Amino acid sequence: MSILIYFSSAGGSREVKQQQQQIFQFLESKMIKYRTVDITQDPSMKEEMRKKVGSPTAMPPQVFSGDMYCGDFQAFFQAVEEEKGEAFFKL
């Protein structure tokens, strides 16, 4: 399974940037490979992300494992708090 993370590299809030970094750091610390899609580089990627999530207002970061939706930062954070961080990524 390939982990895919939709994220934003431009502007946005400090909180969103920190959330994205926490996900990236978790994956890197576990040596889990992942790919990223920067929704600010191609506007169609934002719409693709929202369609895949099933929410017209979804904001990054959004995480997928293959074709399966894992969740947003809140779901990731809750999984880590429950010591189920790796399970969140459905590997």
PDB file of N, CA and C in Angstrom:
ATOM      1  N   MET A   1       0.838  -1.192   0.000  1.00  0.00           N
ATOM      2  CA  MET A   1       0.000   0.000   0.000  1.00  0.00           C
ATOM      3  C   MET A   1       0.875   1.244   0.000  1.00  0.00           C
ATOM      4  N   SER A   2       0.424   2.200  -0.719  1.00  0.00           N
ATOM      5  CA  SER A   2       1.137   3.465  -0.800  1.00  0.00           C
ATOM      6  C   SER A   2       0.377   4.526  -0.008  1.00  0.00           C
ATOM      7  N   ILE A   3       1.078   5.208   0.876  1.00  0.00           N
ATOM      8  CA  ILE A   3       0.467   6.286   1.648  1.00  0.00           C
ATOM      9  C   ILE A   3       0.521   7.554   0.810  1.00  0.00           C
ATOM     10  N   LEU A   4      -0.608   8.227   0.703  1.00  0.00           N
ATOM     11  CA  LEU A   4      -0.709   9.474  -0.050  1.00  0.00           C
ATOM     12  C   LEU A   4      -1.265  10.545   0.872  1.00  0.00           C
ATOM     13  N   ILE A   5      -0.579  11.676   0.926  1.00  0.00           N
ATOM     14  CA  ILE A   5      -1.017  12.775   1.785  1.00  0.00           C
ATOM     15  C   ILE A   5      -1.240  14.015   0.941  1.00  0.00           C
ATOM     16  N   TYR A   6      -2.465  14.519   0.971  1.00  0.00           N
ATOM     17  CA  TYR A   6      -2.763  15.797   0.337  1.00  0.00           C
ATOM     18  C   TYR A   6      -2.399  16.873   1.353  1.00  0.00           C
ATOM     19  N   PHE A   7      -1.582  17.841   0.924  1.00  0.00           N
ATOM     20  CA  PHE A   7      -1.151  18.894   1.833  1.00  0.00           C
ATOM     21  C   PHE A   7      -1.103  20.221   1.095  1.00  0.00           C
ATOM     22  N   SER A   8      -0.822  21.286   1.832  1.00  0.00           N
ATOM     23  CA  SER A   8      -0.706  22.627   1.257  1.00  0.00           C
ATOM     24  C   SER A   8       0.643  23.216   1.636  1.00  0.00           C
ATOM     25  N   SER A   9       1.381  23.669   0.625  1.00  0.00           N
ATOM     26  CA  SER A   9       2.694  24.265   0.889  1.00  0.00           C
ATOM     27  C   SER A   9       2.632  25.783   0.991  1.00  0.00           C
ATOM     28  N   ALA A  10       1.516  26.359   0.599  1.00  0.00           N
ATOM     29  CA  ALA A  10       1.435  27.823   0.545  1.00  0.00           C
ATOM     30  C   ALA A  10       0.521  28.385   1.626  1.00  0.00           C
ATOM     31  N   GLY A  11       0.888  29.582   2.072  1.00  0.00           N
ATOM     32  CA  GLY A  11       0.040  30.339   2.997  1.00  0.00           C
ATOM     33  C   GLY A  11      -0.558  29.477   4.082  1.00  0.00           C
ATOM     34  N   GLY A  12      -1.846  29.626   4.243  1.00  0.00           N
ATOM     35  CA  GLY A  12      -2.544  28.829   5.232  1.00  0.00           C
ATOM     36  C   GLY A  12      -2.156  29.183   6.655  1.00  0.00           C
ATOM     37  N   SER A  13      -2.734  28.468   7.555  1.00  0.00           N
ATOM     38  CA  SER A  13      -2.485  28.750   8.960  1.00  0.00           C
ATOM     39  C   SER A  13      -1.261  28.001   9.466  1.00  0.00           C
ATOM     40  N   ARG A  14      -0.709  28.531  10.508  1.00  0.00           N
ATOM     41  CA  ARG A  14       0.429  27.892  11.182  1.00  0.00           C
ATOM     42  C   ARG A  14       0.016  26.523  11.719  1.00  0.00           C
ATOM     43  N   GLU A  15      -1.222  26.445  12.199  1.00  0.00           N
ATOM     44  CA  GLU A  15      -1.739  25.196  12.755  1.00  0.00           C
ATOM     45  C   GLU A  15      -1.741  24.080  11.702  1.00  0.00           C
ATOM     46  N   VAL A  16      -2.192  24.397  10.485  1.00  0.00           N
ATOM     47  CA  VAL A  16      -2.232  23.398   9.415  1.00  0.00           C
ATOM     48  C   VAL A  16      -0.824  22.929   9.084  1.00  0.00           C
ATOM     49  N   LYS A  17       0.118  23.839   9.005  1.00  0.00           N
ATOM     50  CA  LYS A  17       1.508  23.475   8.711  1.00  0.00           C
ATOM     51  C   LYS A  17       2.063  22.551   9.802  1.00  0.00           C
ATOM     52  N   GLN A  18       1.748  22.839  11.058  1.00  0.00           N
ATOM     53  CA  GLN A  18       2.209  21.990  12.159  1.00  0.00           C
ATOM     54  C   GLN A  18       1.566  20.604  12.087  1.00  0.00           C
ATOM     55  N   GLN A  19       0.283  20.564  11.734  1.00  0.00           N
ATOM     56  CA  GLN A  19      -0.408  19.283  11.611  1.00  0.00           C
ATOM     57  C   GLN A  19       0.229  18.425  10.526  1.00  0.00           C
ATOM     58  N   GLN A  20       0.499  19.051   9.382  1.00  0.00           N
ATOM     59  CA  GLN A  20       1.133  18.332   8.280  1.00  0.00           C
ATOM     60  C   GLN A  20       2.489  17.798   8.709  1.00  0.00           C
ATOM     61  N   GLN A  21       3.267  18.634   9.379  1.00  0.00           N
ATOM     62  CA  GLN A  21       4.601  18.232   9.830  1.00  0.00           C
ATOM     63  C   GLN A  21       4.537  17.064  10.802  1.00  0.00           C
ATOM     64  N   GLN A  22       3.542  17.052  11.679  1.00  0.00           N
ATOM     65  CA  GLN A  22       3.414  15.944  12.631  1.00  0.00           C
ATOM     66  C   GLN A  22       3.180  14.625  11.908  1.00  0.00           C
ATOM     67  N   ILE A  23       2.352  14.654  10.870  1.00  0.00           N
ATOM     68  CA  ILE A  23       2.098  13.433  10.104  1.00  0.00           C
ATOM     69  C   ILE A  23       3.365  12.996   9.378  1.00  0.00           C
ATOM     70  N   PHE A  24       4.029  13.937   8.702  1.00  0.00           N
ATOM     71  CA  PHE A  24       5.265  13.608   7.982  1.00  0.00           C
ATOM     72  C   PHE A  24       6.312  13.035   8.937  1.00  0.00           C
ATOM     73  N   GLN A  25       6.482  13.667  10.087  1.00  0.00           N
ATOM     74  CA  GLN A  25       7.489  13.222  11.054  1.00  0.00           C
ATOM     75  C   GLN A  25       7.171  11.836  11.602  1.00  0.00           C
ATOM     76  N   PHE A  26       5.897  11.569  11.857  1.00  0.00           N
ATOM     77  CA  PHE A  26       5.507  10.244  12.343  1.00  0.00           C
ATOM     78  C   PHE A  26       5.901   9.181  11.324  1.00  0.00           C
ATOM     79  N   LEU A  27       5.531   9.406  10.072  1.00  0.00           N
ATOM     80  CA  LEU A  27       5.840   8.435   9.022  1.00  0.00           C
ATOM     81  C   LEU A  27       7.345   8.248   8.860  1.00  0.00           C
ATOM     82  N   GLU A  28       8.083   9.340   8.870  1.00  0.00           N
ATOM     83  CA  GLU A  28       9.535   9.258   8.723  1.00  0.00           C
ATOM     84  C   GLU A  28      10.175   8.530   9.902  1.00  0.00           C
ATOM     85  N   SER A  29       9.663   8.755  11.107  1.00  0.00           N
ATOM     86  CA  SER A  29      10.227   8.087  12.288  1.00  0.00           C
ATOM     87  C   SER A  29       9.996   6.577  12.243  1.00  0.00           C
ATOM     88  N   LYS A  30       8.927   6.156  11.569  1.00  0.00           N
ATOM     89  CA  LYS A  30       8.608   4.727  11.438  1.00  0.00           C
ATOM     90  C   LYS A  30       9.158   4.147  10.132  1.00  0.00           C
ATOM     91  N   MET A  31       9.867   4.990   9.387  1.00  0.00           N
ATOM     92  CA  MET A  31      10.428   4.599   8.081  1.00  0.00           C
ATOM     93  C   MET A  31       9.350   4.087   7.133  1.00  0.00           C
ATOM     94  N   ILE A  32       8.206   4.747   7.158  1.00  0.00           N
ATOM     95  CA  ILE A  32       7.101   4.415   6.262  1.00  0.00           C
ATOM     96  C   ILE A  32       7.164   5.382   5.085  1.00  0.00           C
ATOM     97  N   LYS A  33       7.238   4.832   3.891  1.00  0.00           N
ATOM     98  CA  LYS A  33       7.307   5.667   2.694  1.00  0.00           C
ATOM     99  C   LYS A  33       5.939   6.268   2.407  1.00  0.00           C
ATOM    100  N   TYR A  34       5.957   7.479   1.884  1.00  0.00           N
ATOM    101  CA  TYR A  34       4.710   8.148   1.530  1.00  0.00           C
ATOM    102  C   TYR A  34       4.946   9.096   0.362  1.00  0.00           C
ATOM    103  N   ARG A  35       3.854   9.418  -0.300  1.00  0.00           N
ATOM    104  CA  ARG A  35       3.882  10.406  -1.381  1.00  0.00           C
ATOM    105  C   ARG A  35       3.020  11.585  -0.955  1.00  0.00           C
ATOM    106  N   THR A  36       3.313  12.738  -1.522  1.00  0.00           N
ATOM    107  CA  THR A  36       2.531  13.927  -1.199  1.00  0.00           C
ATOM    108  C   THR A  36       1.958  14.533  -2.472  1.00  0.00           C
ATOM    109  N   VAL A  37       0.813  15.179  -2.317  1.00  0.00           N
ATOM    110  CA  VAL A  37       0.195  15.955  -3.383  1.00  0.00           C
ATOM    111  C   VAL A  37      -0.057  17.338  -2.809  1.00  0.00           C
ATOM    112  N   ASP A  38       0.596  18.328  -3.394  1.00  0.00           N
ATOM    113  CA  ASP A  38       0.446  19.713  -2.954  1.00  0.00           C
ATOM    114  C   ASP A  38      -0.739  20.331  -3.686  1.00  0.00           C
ATOM    115  N   ILE A  39      -1.829  20.562  -2.962  1.00  0.00           N
ATOM    116  CA  ILE A  39      -3.043  21.070  -3.603  1.00  0.00           C
ATOM    117  C   ILE A  39      -2.908  22.517  -4.063  1.00  0.00           C
ATOM    118  N   THR A  40      -1.857  23.206  -3.641  1.00  0.00           N
ATOM    119  CA  THR A  40      -1.673  24.593  -4.080  1.00  0.00           C
ATOM    120  C   THR A  40      -0.967  24.669  -5.431  1.00  0.00           C
ATOM    121  N   GLN A  41      -0.339  23.590  -5.865  1.00  0.00           N
ATOM    122  CA  GLN A  41       0.368  23.588  -7.149  1.00  0.00           C
ATOM    123  C   GLN A  41      -0.569  23.364  -8.329  1.00  0.00           C
ATOM    124  N   ASP A  42      -1.685  22.699  -8.084  1.00  0.00           N
ATOM    125  CA  ASP A  42      -2.649  22.401  -9.143  1.00  0.00           C
ATOM    126  C   ASP A  42      -4.046  22.451  -8.525  1.00  0.00           C
ATOM    127  N   PRO A  43      -4.838  23.472  -8.880  1.00  0.00           N
ATOM    128  CA  PRO A  43      -6.175  23.618  -8.279  1.00  0.00           C
ATOM    129  C   PRO A  43      -7.059  22.381  -8.439  1.00  0.00           C
ATOM    130  N   SER A  44      -6.852  21.600  -9.491  1.00  0.00           N
ATOM    131  CA  SER A  44      -7.681  20.406  -9.672  1.00  0.00           C
ATOM    132  C   SER A  44      -7.412  19.369  -8.580  1.00  0.00           C
ATOM    133  N   MET A  45      -6.237  19.426  -7.958  1.00  0.00           N
ATOM    134  CA  MET A  45      -5.903  18.477  -6.894  1.00  0.00           C
ATOM    135  C   MET A  45      -6.743  18.718  -5.643  1.00  0.00           C
ATOM    136  N   LYS A  46      -7.087  19.973  -5.388  1.00  0.00           N
ATOM    137  CA  LYS A  46      -7.938  20.290  -4.237  1.00  0.00           C
ATOM    138  C   LYS A  46      -9.319  19.667  -4.439  1.00  0.00           C
ATOM    139  N   GLU A  47      -9.844  19.789  -5.656  1.00  0.00           N
ATOM    140  CA  GLU A  47     -11.151  19.205  -5.953  1.00  0.00           C
ATOM    141  C   GLU A  47     -11.084  17.680  -5.917  1.00  0.00           C
ATOM    142  N   GLU A  48      -9.987  17.120  -6.410  1.00  0.00           N
ATOM    143  CA  GLU A  48      -9.806  15.666  -6.360  1.00  0.00           C
ATOM    144  C   GLU A  48      -9.802  15.186  -4.915  1.00  0.00           C
ATOM    145  N   MET A  49      -9.055  15.893  -4.058  1.00  0.00           N
ATOM    146  CA  MET A  49      -8.979  15.542  -2.641  1.00  0.00           C
ATOM    147  C   MET A  49     -10.373  15.570  -2.021  1.00  0.00           C
ATOM    148  N   ARG A  50     -11.101  16.636  -2.258  1.00  0.00           N
ATOM    149  CA  ARG A  50     -12.436  16.781  -1.660  1.00  0.00           C
ATOM    150  C   ARG A  50     -13.394  15.706  -2.155  1.00  0.00           C
ATOM    151  N   LYS A  51     -13.285  15.362  -3.431  1.00  0.00           N
ATOM    152  CA  LYS A  51     -14.141  14.313  -3.983  1.00  0.00           C
ATOM    153  C   LYS A  51     -13.818  12.968  -3.335  1.00  0.00           C
ATOM    154  N   LYS A  52     -12.531  12.648  -3.200  1.00  0.00           N
ATOM    155  CA  LYS A  52     -12.123  11.378  -2.601  1.00  0.00           C
ATOM    156  C   LYS A  52     -12.518  11.295  -1.129  1.00  0.00           C
ATOM    157  N   VAL A  53     -12.458  12.437  -0.426  1.00  0.00           N
ATOM    158  CA  VAL A  53     -12.831  12.469   0.991  1.00  0.00           C
ATOM    159  C   VAL A  53     -14.347  12.400   1.142  1.00  0.00           C
ATOM    160  N   GLY A  54     -15.063  12.956   0.157  1.00  0.00           N
ATOM    161  CA  GLY A  54     -16.517  12.985   0.221  1.00  0.00           C
ATOM    162  C   GLY A  54     -17.049  14.202   0.938  1.00  0.00           C
ATOM    163  N   SER A  55     -16.243  15.277   0.956  1.00  0.00           N
ATOM    164  CA  SER A  55     -16.650  16.513   1.622  1.00  0.00           C
ATOM    165  C   SER A  55     -16.214  17.707   0.778  1.00  0.00           C
ATOM    166  N   PRO A  56     -17.166  18.571   0.411  1.00  0.00           N
ATOM    167  CA  PRO A  56     -16.811  19.740  -0.401  1.00  0.00           C
ATOM    168  C   PRO A  56     -16.006  20.795   0.360  1.00  0.00           C
ATOM    169  N   THR A  57     -15.854  20.616   1.659  1.00  0.00           N
ATOM    170  CA  THR A  57     -15.114  21.601   2.460  1.00  0.00           C
ATOM    171  C   THR A  57     -13.848  21.028   3.093  1.00  0.00           C
ATOM    172  N   ALA A  58     -13.476  19.811   2.728  1.00  0.00           N
ATOM    173  CA  ALA A  58     -12.291  19.166   3.320  1.00  0.00           C
ATOM    174  C   ALA A  58     -11.045  20.005   3.076  1.00  0.00           C
ATOM    175  N   MET A  59     -10.223  20.113   4.105  1.00  0.00           N
ATOM    176  CA  MET A  59      -8.974  20.865   4.024  1.00  0.00           C
ATOM    177  C   MET A  59      -7.811  19.933   4.361  1.00  0.00           C
ATOM    178  N   PRO A  60      -6.630  20.249   3.853  1.00  0.00           N
ATOM    179  CA  PRO A  60      -5.464  19.407   4.150  1.00  0.00           C
ATOM    180  C   PRO A  60      -5.038  19.542   5.602  1.00  0.00           C
ATOM    181  N   PRO A  61      -4.334  18.564   6.113  1.00  0.00           N
ATOM    182  CA  PRO A  61      -3.903  17.342   5.455  1.00  0.00           C
ATOM    183  C   PRO A  61      -5.000  16.277   5.447  1.00  0.00           C
ATOM    184  N   GLN A  62      -5.026  15.496   4.369  1.00  0.00           N
ATOM    185  CA  GLN A  62      -5.921  14.351   4.226  1.00  0.00           C
ATOM    186  C   GLN A  62      -5.055  13.166   3.832  1.00  0.00           C
ATOM    187  N   VAL A  63      -5.310  12.026   4.450  1.00  0.00           N
ATOM    188  CA  VAL A  63      -4.426  10.870   4.294  1.00  0.00           C
ATOM    189  C   VAL A  63      -5.170   9.683   3.683  1.00  0.00           C
ATOM    190  N   PHE A  64      -4.500   9.028   2.719  1.00  0.00           N
ATOM    191  CA  PHE A  64      -5.024   7.837   2.066  1.00  0.00           C
ATOM    192  C   PHE A  64      -3.978   6.739   2.099  1.00  0.00           C
ATOM    193  N   SER A  65      -4.449   5.510   2.177  1.00  0.00           N
ATOM    194  CA  SER A  65      -3.594   4.334   2.041  1.00  0.00           C
ATOM    195  C   SER A  65      -4.127   3.590   0.829  1.00  0.00           C
ATOM    196  N   GLY A  66      -3.407   3.675  -0.280  1.00  0.00           N
ATOM    197  CA  GLY A  66      -3.949   3.154  -1.526  1.00  0.00           C
ATOM    198  C   GLY A  66      -5.209   3.930  -1.852  1.00  0.00           C
ATOM    199  N   ASP A  67      -6.301   3.218  -2.091  1.00  0.00           N
ATOM    200  CA  ASP A  67      -7.581   3.869  -2.384  1.00  0.00           C
ATOM    201  C   ASP A  67      -8.417   4.099  -1.133  1.00  0.00           C
ATOM    202  N   MET A  68      -7.935   3.646   0.015  1.00  0.00           N
ATOM    203  CA  MET A  68      -8.705   3.767   1.257  1.00  0.00           C
ATOM    204  C   MET A  68      -8.414   5.093   1.955  1.00  0.00           C
ATOM    205  N   TYR A  69      -9.481   5.766   2.353  1.00  0.00           N
ATOM    206  CA  TYR A  69      -9.352   7.016   3.095  1.00  0.00           C
ATOM    207  C   TYR A  69      -9.038   6.701   4.552  1.00  0.00           C
ATOM    208  N   CYS A  70      -7.943   7.250   5.050  1.00  0.00           N
ATOM    209  CA  CYS A  70      -7.553   7.036   6.451  1.00  0.00           C
ATOM    210  C   CYS A  70      -8.164   8.093   7.361  1.00  0.00           C
ATOM    211  N   GLY A  71      -8.142   9.354   6.912  1.00  0.00           N
ATOM    212  CA  GLY A  71      -8.709  10.420   7.719  1.00  0.00           C
ATOM    213  C   GLY A  71      -7.917  11.705   7.622  1.00  0.00           C
ATOM    214  N   ASP A  72      -8.338  12.648   8.445  1.00  0.00           N
ATOM    215  CA  ASP A  72      -7.686  13.955   8.503  1.00  0.00           C
ATOM    216  C   ASP A  72      -6.759  14.000   9.717  1.00  0.00           C
ATOM    217  N   PHE A  73      -6.282  15.187  10.041  1.00  0.00           N
ATOM    218  CA  PHE A  73      -5.347  15.288  11.162  1.00  0.00           C
ATOM    219  C   PHE A  73      -5.992  14.877  12.474  1.00  0.00           C
ATOM    220  N   GLN A  74      -7.246  15.254  12.703  1.00  0.00           N
ATOM    221  CA  GLN A  74      -7.899  14.925  13.977  1.00  0.00           C
ATOM    222  C   GLN A  74      -7.959  13.414  14.179  1.00  0.00           C
ATOM    223  N   ALA A  75      -8.276  12.680  13.105  1.00  0.00           N
ATOM    224  CA  ALA A  75      -8.325  11.215  13.206  1.00  0.00           C
ATOM    225  C   ALA A  75      -6.929  10.651  13.469  1.00  0.00           C
ATOM    226  N   PHE A  76      -5.923  11.214  12.800  1.00  0.00           N
ATOM    227  CA  PHE A  76      -4.537  10.795  13.022  1.00  0.00           C
ATOM    228  C   PHE A  76      -4.138  11.048  14.470  1.00  0.00           C
ATOM    229  N   PHE A  77      -4.417  12.244  14.971  1.00  0.00           N
ATOM    230  CA  PHE A  77      -4.038  12.625  16.327  1.00  0.00           C
ATOM    231  C   PHE A  77      -4.686  11.689  17.345  1.00  0.00           C
ATOM    232  N   GLN A  78      -5.965  11.395  17.150  1.00  0.00           N
ATOM    233  CA  GLN A  78      -6.666  10.501  18.072  1.00  0.00           C
ATOM    234  C   GLN A  78      -6.033   9.111  18.051  1.00  0.00           C
ATOM    235  N   ALA A  79      -5.694   8.623  16.861  1.00  0.00           N
ATOM    236  CA  ALA A  79      -5.063   7.301  16.752  1.00  0.00           C
ATOM    237  C   ALA A  79      -3.724   7.274  17.481  1.00  0.00           C
ATOM    238  N   VAL A  80      -2.940   8.321  17.341  1.00  0.00           N
ATOM    239  CA  VAL A  80      -1.642   8.386  18.026  1.00  0.00           C
ATOM    240  C   VAL A  80      -1.846   8.421  19.535  1.00  0.00           C
ATOM    241  N   GLU A  81      -2.818   9.200  19.992  1.00  0.00           N
ATOM    242  CA  GLU A  81      -3.107   9.280  21.427  1.00  0.00           C
ATOM    243  C   GLU A  81      -3.492   7.913  21.990  1.00  0.00           C
ATOM    244  N   GLU A  82      -4.168   7.109  21.177  1.00  0.00           N
ATOM    245  CA  GLU A  82      -4.596   5.773  21.600  1.00  0.00           C
ATOM    246  C   GLU A  82      -3.536   4.710  21.286  1.00  0.00           C
ATOM    247  N   GLU A  83      -2.339   5.177  20.901  1.00  0.00           N
ATOM    248  CA  GLU A  83      -1.221   4.298  20.542  1.00  0.00           C
ATOM    249  C   GLU A  83      -1.579   3.358  19.397  1.00  0.00           C
ATOM    250  N   LYS A  84      -2.349   3.886  18.442  1.00  0.00           N
ATOM    251  CA  LYS A  84      -2.748   3.140  17.251  1.00  0.00           C
ATOM    252  C   LYS A  84      -2.330   3.904  15.996  1.00  0.00           C
ATOM    253  N   GLY A  85      -1.232   4.636  16.107  1.00  0.00           N
ATOM    254  CA  GLY A  85      -0.773   5.474  15.002  1.00  0.00           C
ATOM    255  C   GLY A  85      -0.548   4.714  13.716  1.00  0.00           C
ATOM    256  N   GLU A  86       0.130   3.568  13.796  1.00  0.00           N
ATOM    257  CA  GLU A  86       0.402   2.799  12.582  1.00  0.00           C
ATOM    258  C   GLU A  86      -0.881   2.216  12.001  1.00  0.00           C
ATOM    259  N   ALA A  87      -1.813   1.821  12.851  1.00  0.00           N
ATOM    260  CA  ALA A  87      -3.080   1.262  12.377  1.00  0.00           C
ATOM    261  C   ALA A  87      -3.883   2.302  11.595  1.00  0.00           C
ATOM    262  N   PHE A  88      -3.727   3.575  11.947  1.00  0.00           N
ATOM    263  CA  PHE A  88      -4.427   4.650  11.244  1.00  0.00           C
ATOM    264  C   PHE A  88      -4.145   4.594   9.745  1.00  0.00           C
ATOM    265  N   PHE A  89      -2.915   4.232   9.373  1.00  0.00           N
ATOM    266  CA  PHE A  89      -2.515   4.233   7.967  1.00  0.00           C
ATOM    267  C   PHE A  89      -2.935   2.969   7.218  1.00  0.00           C
ATOM    268  N   LYS A  90      -3.630   2.051   7.891  1.00  0.00           N
ATOM    269  CA  LYS A  90      -4.188   0.843   7.275  1.00  0.00           C
ATOM    270  C   LYS A  90      -3.139   0.030   6.503  1.00  0.00           C
ATOM    271  N   LEU A  91      -1.984  -0.111   7.107  1.00  0.00           N
ATOM    272  CA  LEU A  91      -0.908  -0.872   6.460  1.00  0.00           C
ATOM    273  C   LEU A  91      -0.976  -2.342   6.828  1.00  0.00           C
TER     274      LEU A  91
END
